[in-house]
Amino acid sequence: MSAAPLLSVQGLVAKRARRTVVCGVDLDVQPGDRIYICGQNGCGKSTFLEALLGLIPSYATRYEWLSRPGGPQQHKAFRTGLVTYLPQHRNLFPSLTLRANILLGSLLERSESAARLTALLGHIFEITPALDKLPRNASTGERQLAAVLRTLMQRPDLLVLDEPTASVSAATIPRLYAAIEYTLPSGSAVIYADQHRSVAEHFATRCFEMVSGLLVPMPTGGAQGAVATCTSLVTQGASQ
């Protein structure tokens, strides 16, 4: 018997600037899912993710979080750390250093947070020299890495990432996905949109392309392929 979905929507509709962008999407997000959403720029991926989380006005014939009516926002899942969301833009506090921004995402004790950050930096070591910089003094790639690491300081049931690898170097992207895989607790789910399809789709258990406001299923290697890929990427990173 399969587990109940973490998040379930049916007939999800959302608009942007009075234009219908999401046109009746059905999706069940199961524990352990790695759901990749691809598509052309402007096709509605960000709008879909925001609507799915209840962050913008939307409509659905069925909308449930942990089998309860309503979405994550209504059930205060963000406040309790059960859901973590990385928006595409404006994802850092400009008055805090990158280190402070990263630690701001943690609900752990100080010593546990420090240990978790150290473990993450073992994967994403490029950001280490920039940790004590303010965002305005860091590169675009360093700022993006800090934003992603902040989401990984929590242990959410659902992690939603909008273009997590934007401005990140090609050499770092596989290790960033590997860090996500090995940091999250068992049974957590990830939904993500990413333009770096050649790497992103290998992480996925399910792939969809957003076309005309709908999610069109695409072939994928499945969960075993995702785990094997991430294991290989970690090994490669350790040898470099």
Protein backbone atom coordinates (compact mmCIF):
# COMPACT_ATOMS: atom_id res chain seq x y z
CA MET A 1 0.00 0.00 0.00
CA SER A 2 1.48 3.34 -1.06
CA ALA A 3 1.95 6.19 1.42
CA ALA A 4 -0.41 9.14 1.43
CA PRO A 5 0.78 12.11 -0.65
CA LEU A 6 2.50 14.97 1.14
CA LEU A 7 0.75 17.43 -1.16
CA SER A 8 -2.08 16.77 -3.57
CA VAL A 9 -3.74 19.11 -6.06
CA GLN A 10 -6.37 18.55 -8.72
CA GLY A 11 -7.42 21.07 -11.32
CA LEU A 12 -4.94 23.74 -10.18
CA VAL A 13 -5.46 27.04 -12.01
CA ALA A 14 -3.43 30.22 -11.52
CA LYS A 15 -3.07 33.55 -13.31
CA ARG A 16 -0.29 36.07 -13.77
CA ALA A 17 -1.20 39.61 -14.82
CA ARG A 18 -4.75 38.45 -15.64
CA ARG A 19 -3.45 35.75 -17.98
CA THR A 20 -4.17 32.11 -17.09
CA VAL A 21 -0.73 30.51 -16.79
CA VAL A 22 -1.54 27.24 -14.98
CA CYS A 23 -4.46 25.50 -16.66
CA GLY A 24 -5.87 22.71 -14.49
CA VAL A 25 -2.82 20.77 -13.27
CA ASP A 26 -3.16 17.53 -11.28
CA LEU A 27 -0.21 16.43 -9.12
CA ASP A 28 0.34 14.13 -6.14
CA VAL A 29 3.67 14.66 -4.37
CA GLN A 30 4.70 11.42 -2.68
CA PRO A 31 7.34 10.95 0.05
CA GLY A 32 10.71 10.45 -1.66
CA ASP A 33 9.68 12.16 -4.89
CA ARG A 34 12.21 14.18 -6.87
CA ILE A 35 9.99 16.03 -9.34
CA TYR A 36 11.72 18.00 -12.06
CA ILE A 37 9.78 20.71 -13.93
CA CYS A 38 11.37 21.93 -17.16
CA GLY A 39 10.17 24.22 -19.92
CA GLN A 40 10.97 27.34 -21.86
CA ASN A 41 11.51 30.66 -20.09
CA GLY A 42 8.18 32.30 -19.42
CA CYS A 43 6.16 29.08 -19.68
CA GLY A 44 4.84 29.41 -16.12
CA LYS A 45 7.12 27.23 -14.00
CA SER A 46 7.56 29.83 -11.24
CA THR A 47 3.85 30.62 -11.22
CA PHE A 48 3.07 26.92 -10.92
CA LEU A 49 5.44 26.44 -7.96
CA GLU A 50 4.03 29.48 -6.15
CA ALA A 51 0.45 28.37 -6.78
CA LEU A 52 1.24 24.83 -5.66
CA LEU A 53 2.50 26.17 -2.34
CA GLY A 54 -0.41 28.56 -1.88
CA LEU A 55 1.77 31.67 -2.18
CA ILE A 56 -0.34 33.34 -4.86
CA PRO A 57 -4.08 33.33 -5.48
CA SER A 58 -5.14 30.14 -7.26
CA TYR A 59 -8.02 27.70 -7.56
CA ALA A 60 -8.12 23.89 -7.32
CA THR A 61 -10.96 21.39 -7.17
CA ARG A 62 -8.91 19.47 -4.58
CA TYR A 63 -6.00 20.81 -2.53
CA GLU A 64 -4.58 18.86 0.42
CA TRP A 65 -1.46 19.00 2.60
CA LEU A 66 -0.76 15.81 4.60
CA SER A 67 -4.28 14.60 3.75
CA ARG A 68 -5.87 17.73 5.25
CA PRO A 69 -7.83 20.25 3.17
CA GLY A 70 -5.78 23.31 2.28
CA GLY A 71 -2.16 23.88 1.33
CA PRO A 72 1.15 24.29 3.18
CA GLN A 73 0.64 28.02 3.70
CA GLN A 74 -2.73 27.48 5.41
CA HIS A 75 -1.26 24.83 7.71
CA LYS A 76 1.76 26.99 8.68
CA ALA A 77 4.14 24.44 7.19
CA PHE A 78 6.70 27.13 6.31
CA ARG A 79 6.82 28.49 9.85
CA THR A 80 7.43 25.04 11.32
CA GLY A 81 10.06 24.07 8.75
CA LEU A 82 8.02 21.28 7.13
CA VAL A 83 8.22 23.11 3.80
CA THR A 84 11.14 25.16 2.49
CA TYR A 85 10.97 27.25 -0.67
CA LEU A 86 13.76 28.88 -2.66
CA PRO A 87 12.34 31.61 -4.91
CA GLN A 88 14.11 32.54 -8.10
CA HIS A 89 14.81 36.13 -7.04
CA ARG A 90 15.40 38.13 -3.86
CA ASN A 91 16.36 35.13 -1.77
CA LEU A 92 18.95 36.73 0.58
CA PHE A 93 18.87 39.46 3.22
CA PRO A 94 21.25 42.19 1.97
CA SER A 95 22.30 43.37 5.46
CA LEU A 96 23.51 39.91 6.59
CA THR A 97 26.67 38.07 5.57
CA LEU A 98 26.33 34.94 3.48
CA ARG A 99 27.09 32.85 6.58
CA ALA A 100 24.38 34.62 8.59
CA ASN A 101 21.92 34.17 5.73
CA ILE A 102 22.66 30.45 5.60
CA LEU A 103 22.34 29.94 9.36
CA LEU A 104 19.12 31.93 9.38
CA GLY A 105 17.41 28.97 7.78
CA SER A 106 18.27 26.58 10.59
CA LEU A 107 15.85 25.45 13.28
CA LEU A 108 18.62 23.42 14.93
CA GLU A 109 20.67 24.21 18.02
CA ARG A 110 23.79 26.33 17.37
CA SER A 111 26.23 23.42 17.61
CA GLU A 112 24.09 21.26 15.31
CA SER A 113 23.78 24.11 12.83
CA ALA A 114 27.56 24.57 12.76
CA ALA A 115 28.08 20.85 12.18
CA ARG A 116 25.47 20.79 9.42
CA LEU A 117 27.04 23.77 7.67
CA THR A 118 30.47 22.13 7.86
CA ALA A 119 29.06 19.00 6.26
CA LEU A 120 27.42 21.01 3.47
CA LEU A 121 30.66 22.90 2.80
CA GLY A 122 32.31 19.55 2.24
CA HIS A 123 30.20 19.32 -0.91
CA ILE A 124 30.00 23.01 -1.85
CA PHE A 125 33.47 24.21 -0.84
CA GLU A 126 33.56 27.01 -3.46
CA ILE A 127 31.55 29.30 -1.22
CA THR A 128 33.83 29.01 1.84
CA PRO A 129 36.02 32.08 1.09
CA ALA A 130 32.90 34.24 0.64
CA LEU A 131 31.00 33.26 3.81
CA ASP A 132 31.77 36.48 5.66
CA LYS A 133 30.94 38.77 2.75
CA LEU A 134 27.75 40.76 2.44
CA PRO A 135 25.67 39.73 -0.59
CA ARG A 136 26.57 42.91 -2.49
CA ASN A 137 30.27 42.02 -2.21
CA ALA A 138 29.83 38.42 -3.32
CA SER A 139 29.51 37.09 -6.84
CA THR A 140 26.13 36.10 -8.28
CA GLY A 141 27.11 32.44 -8.06
CA GLU A 142 28.20 32.76 -4.42
CA ARG A 143 24.92 34.41 -3.53
CA GLN A 144 22.98 31.64 -5.21
CA LEU A 145 24.92 28.93 -3.40
CA ALA A 146 24.27 30.67 -0.08
CA ALA A 147 20.55 30.78 -0.82
CA VAL A 148 20.44 27.06 -1.63
CA LEU A 149 22.50 26.13 1.43
CA ARG A 150 20.11 28.08 3.62
CA THR A 151 17.24 25.84 2.48
CA LEU A 152 19.35 22.77 3.30
CA MET A 153 19.91 23.91 6.89
CA GLN A 154 16.37 22.74 7.56
CA ARG A 155 15.09 19.19 7.31
CA PRO A 156 11.80 19.76 5.47
CA ASP A 157 9.25 17.21 4.35
CA LEU A 158 9.00 19.18 1.11
CA LEU A 159 11.73 21.26 -0.52
CA VAL A 160 10.77 23.43 -3.50
CA LEU A 161 13.54 25.04 -5.55
CA ASP A 162 13.08 27.54 -8.37
CA GLU A 163 16.22 27.59 -10.56
CA PRO A 164 18.64 26.55 -7.78
CA THR A 165 21.65 26.39 -10.12
CA ALA A 166 21.24 29.83 -11.76
CA SER A 167 24.70 31.44 -12.13
CA VAL A 168 26.37 28.41 -10.50
CA SER A 169 29.44 27.04 -12.30
CA ALA A 170 29.00 23.89 -14.35
CA ALA A 171 31.53 22.01 -12.18
CA THR A 172 29.56 22.78 -9.02
CA ILE A 173 26.06 21.85 -10.23
CA PRO A 174 26.39 18.03 -9.92
CA ARG A 175 27.79 18.34 -6.39
CA LEU A 176 25.00 20.76 -5.46
CA TYR A 177 22.41 18.14 -6.42
CA ALA A 178 24.37 15.47 -4.60
CA ALA A 179 24.41 17.66 -1.48
CA ILE A 180 20.64 18.07 -1.69
CA GLU A 181 20.14 14.31 -1.98
CA TYR A 182 22.37 13.38 0.94
CA THR A 183 21.29 16.21 3.24
CA LEU A 184 17.53 15.74 3.19
CA PRO A 185 15.90 13.21 5.53
CA SER A 186 14.47 9.94 4.26
CA GLY A 187 10.97 10.35 2.89
CA SER A 188 11.29 14.03 2.03
CA ALA A 189 10.25 15.25 -1.42
CA VAL A 190 11.80 17.79 -3.76
CA ILE A 191 10.13 19.76 -6.55
CA TYR A 192 12.44 21.86 -8.66
CA ALA A 193 12.66 23.87 -11.87
CA ASP A 194 16.07 24.17 -13.50
CA GLN A 195 17.36 25.19 -16.91
CA HIS A 196 20.39 22.87 -16.61
CA ARG A 197 18.42 19.92 -17.88
CA SER A 198 21.37 17.64 -18.64
CA VAL A 199 22.15 17.37 -14.91
CA ALA A 200 18.77 18.13 -13.35
CA GLU A 201 16.87 15.30 -15.00
CA HIS A 202 19.29 12.69 -13.62
CA PHE A 203 18.30 13.69 -10.09
CA ALA A 204 14.60 13.18 -10.80
CA THR A 205 12.26 10.32 -10.06
CA ARG A 206 9.62 12.04 -12.21
CA CYS A 207 10.04 14.64 -14.96
CA PHE A 208 7.46 17.00 -16.42
CA GLU A 209 7.61 19.67 -19.09
CA MET A 210 5.36 22.67 -18.68
CA VAL A 211 3.54 23.23 -21.97
CA SER A 212 0.57 25.57 -22.42
CA GLY A 213 -0.08 25.63 -18.68
CA LEU A 214 -0.08 21.85 -18.23
CA LEU A 215 2.47 19.35 -16.92
CA VAL A 216 3.40 16.84 -19.62
CA PRO A 217 5.13 13.68 -18.28
CA MET A 218 8.59 12.94 -19.66
CA PRO A 219 10.78 9.80 -19.50
CA THR A 220 13.10 9.48 -16.51
CA GLY A 221 15.50 6.97 -15.02
CA GLY A 222 13.41 6.73 -11.86
CA ALA A 223 14.41 6.69 -8.21
CA GLN A 224 17.18 4.11 -8.56
CA GLY A 225 18.72 6.12 -11.36
CA ALA A 226 18.61 9.27 -9.25
CA VAL A 227 20.26 7.64 -6.26
CA ALA A 228 22.93 5.98 -8.40
CA THR A 229 23.67 9.25 -10.15
CA CYS A 230 24.03 11.16 -6.90
CA THR A 231 26.27 8.46 -5.44
CA SER A 232 28.50 8.72 -8.50
CA LEU A 233 28.59 12.52 -8.26
CA VAL A 234 29.60 12.45 -4.60
CA THR A 235 32.40 10.01 -5.40
CA GLN A 236 33.61 12.20 -8.24
CA GLY A 237 33.54 15.27 -6.03
CA ALA A 238 35.56 13.56 -3.32
CA SER A 239 38.24 12.58 -5.82
CA GLN A 240 38.70 16.09 -7.23
